[in-house]
Amino acid sequence: MIDVIAANDTHAIWQVVLGMAAVVLAVVIILMMLLLSLVKDIQASVASLLETAGIVASQTANIPKLAATPPVLNLIIEEAIIQDGYMNALTDGYTAAGETV
């Protein structure tokens, strides 16, 4: 009789252990599927980032050339001042029709 009870208890314990293992296996499968989905999302984001980085790099390749801009602007300002002086010299003493000197 004790052997029958022990056999039933062992059988019940094995059923509980196998049930718990099945639950754990199902949870692991679900988590692995979630992980795979996240990895695919990350790969897609990285691919998009790499495409965008190439575009940004091509658009910013000429930034070092901007360092040459201030001296050129200074030359343009100097020339504008000279041209303004010429224009003032041309219009000095000029009166339009109807104006009095």
Protein backbone atom coordinates (compact mmCIF):
# COMPACT_ATOMS: atom_id res chain seq x y z
CA MET A 1 0.00 0.00 0.00
CA ILE A 2 2.83 2.39 0.81
CA ASP A 3 4.40 1.53 -2.53
CA VAL A 4 1.17 2.51 -4.33
CA ILE A 5 0.96 5.86 -2.49
CA ALA A 6 4.64 6.57 -3.19
CA ALA A 7 4.12 5.71 -6.86
CA ASN A 8 1.09 8.01 -7.05
CA ASP A 9 3.02 10.80 -5.30
CA THR A 10 5.97 10.36 -7.65
CA HIS A 11 3.64 10.36 -10.63
CA ALA A 12 1.94 13.57 -9.37
CA ILE A 13 5.30 15.27 -8.74
CA TRP A 14 6.45 14.39 -12.28
CA GLN A 15 3.23 15.84 -13.69
CA VAL A 16 3.73 19.08 -11.73
CA VAL A 17 7.38 19.30 -12.81
CA LEU A 18 6.51 18.66 -16.47
CA GLY A 19 3.69 21.23 -16.27
CA MET A 20 6.06 23.82 -14.81
CA ALA A 21 8.65 23.00 -17.47
CA ALA A 22 6.03 23.48 -20.18
CA VAL A 23 5.10 26.89 -18.75
CA VAL A 24 8.76 27.91 -18.52
CA LEU A 25 9.35 26.72 -22.09
CA ALA A 26 6.36 28.74 -23.33
CA VAL A 27 7.62 31.86 -21.53
CA VAL A 28 11.12 31.39 -22.99
CA ILE A 29 9.69 31.01 -26.50
CA ILE A 30 7.61 34.17 -26.09
CA LEU A 31 10.61 36.11 -24.77
CA MET A 32 12.83 34.88 -27.61
CA MET A 33 10.21 35.97 -30.16
CA LEU A 34 10.06 39.39 -28.50
CA LEU A 35 13.86 39.62 -28.55
CA LEU A 36 13.95 38.68 -32.23
CA SER A 37 11.37 41.36 -33.01
CA LEU A 38 13.38 43.97 -31.12
CA VAL A 39 16.59 42.97 -32.91
CA LYS A 40 14.86 43.35 -36.30
CA ASP A 41 13.61 46.81 -35.28
CA ILE A 42 17.12 47.79 -34.20
CA GLN A 43 18.60 46.54 -37.48
CA ALA A 44 16.08 48.57 -39.46
CA SER A 45 16.83 51.68 -37.39
CA VAL A 46 20.58 51.24 -37.85
CA ALA A 47 20.18 50.83 -41.60
CA SER A 48 18.12 54.03 -41.74
CA LEU A 49 20.70 55.82 -39.59
CA LEU A 50 23.55 54.73 -41.86
CA GLU A 51 21.72 56.03 -44.93
CA THR A 52 21.03 59.34 -43.22
CA ALA A 53 24.62 59.63 -41.99
CA GLY A 54 25.90 59.34 -45.55
CA ILE A 55 23.58 62.10 -46.72
CA VAL A 56 24.57 64.36 -43.81
CA ALA A 57 28.26 63.69 -44.42
CA SER A 58 27.94 64.61 -48.10
CA GLN A 59 26.16 67.85 -47.20
CA THR A 60 28.71 68.86 -44.56
CA ALA A 61 31.83 68.11 -46.61
CA ASN A 62 32.19 71.78 -47.60
CA ILE A 63 32.07 73.20 -44.08
CA PRO A 64 35.88 73.73 -43.91
CA LYS A 65 35.56 76.03 -46.93
CA LEU A 66 33.50 78.39 -44.76
CA ALA A 67 36.69 79.36 -42.92
CA ALA A 68 37.73 81.31 -46.05
CA THR A 69 34.54 83.40 -46.01
CA PRO A 70 35.45 86.22 -43.54
CA PRO A 71 38.52 87.49 -45.47
CA VAL A 72 36.52 87.54 -48.71
CA LEU A 73 33.71 89.44 -47.01
CA ASN A 74 36.22 91.98 -45.69
CA LEU A 75 37.49 92.52 -49.25
CA ILE A 76 33.92 92.97 -50.48
CA ILE A 77 33.25 95.56 -47.75
CA GLU A 78 36.43 97.46 -48.62
CA GLU A 79 35.48 97.49 -52.30
CA ALA A 80 31.95 98.65 -51.44
CA ILE A 81 33.35 101.57 -49.48
CA ILE A 82 35.55 102.53 -52.45
CA GLN A 83 32.60 102.28 -54.85
CA ASP A 84 30.48 104.38 -52.48
CA GLY A 85 33.17 107.04 -52.54
CA TYR A 86 33.17 107.01 -56.36
CA MET A 87 29.39 107.36 -56.43
CA ASN A 88 29.54 110.27 -53.99
CA ALA A 89 32.18 111.96 -56.13
CA LEU A 90 29.99 111.56 -59.20
CA THR A 91 26.92 113.02 -57.54
CA ASP A 92 28.63 115.94 -55.76
CA GLY A 93 27.36 119.18 -57.24
CA TYR A 94 24.67 117.43 -59.27
CA THR A 95 21.24 118.90 -59.02
CA ALA A 96 18.15 117.33 -60.40
CA ALA A 97 15.63 119.24 -62.43
CA GLY A 98 13.74 121.68 -60.26
CA GLU A 99 16.28 121.64 -57.38
CA THR A 100 18.12 124.72 -56.25
CA VAL A 101 21.74 124.75 -55.29
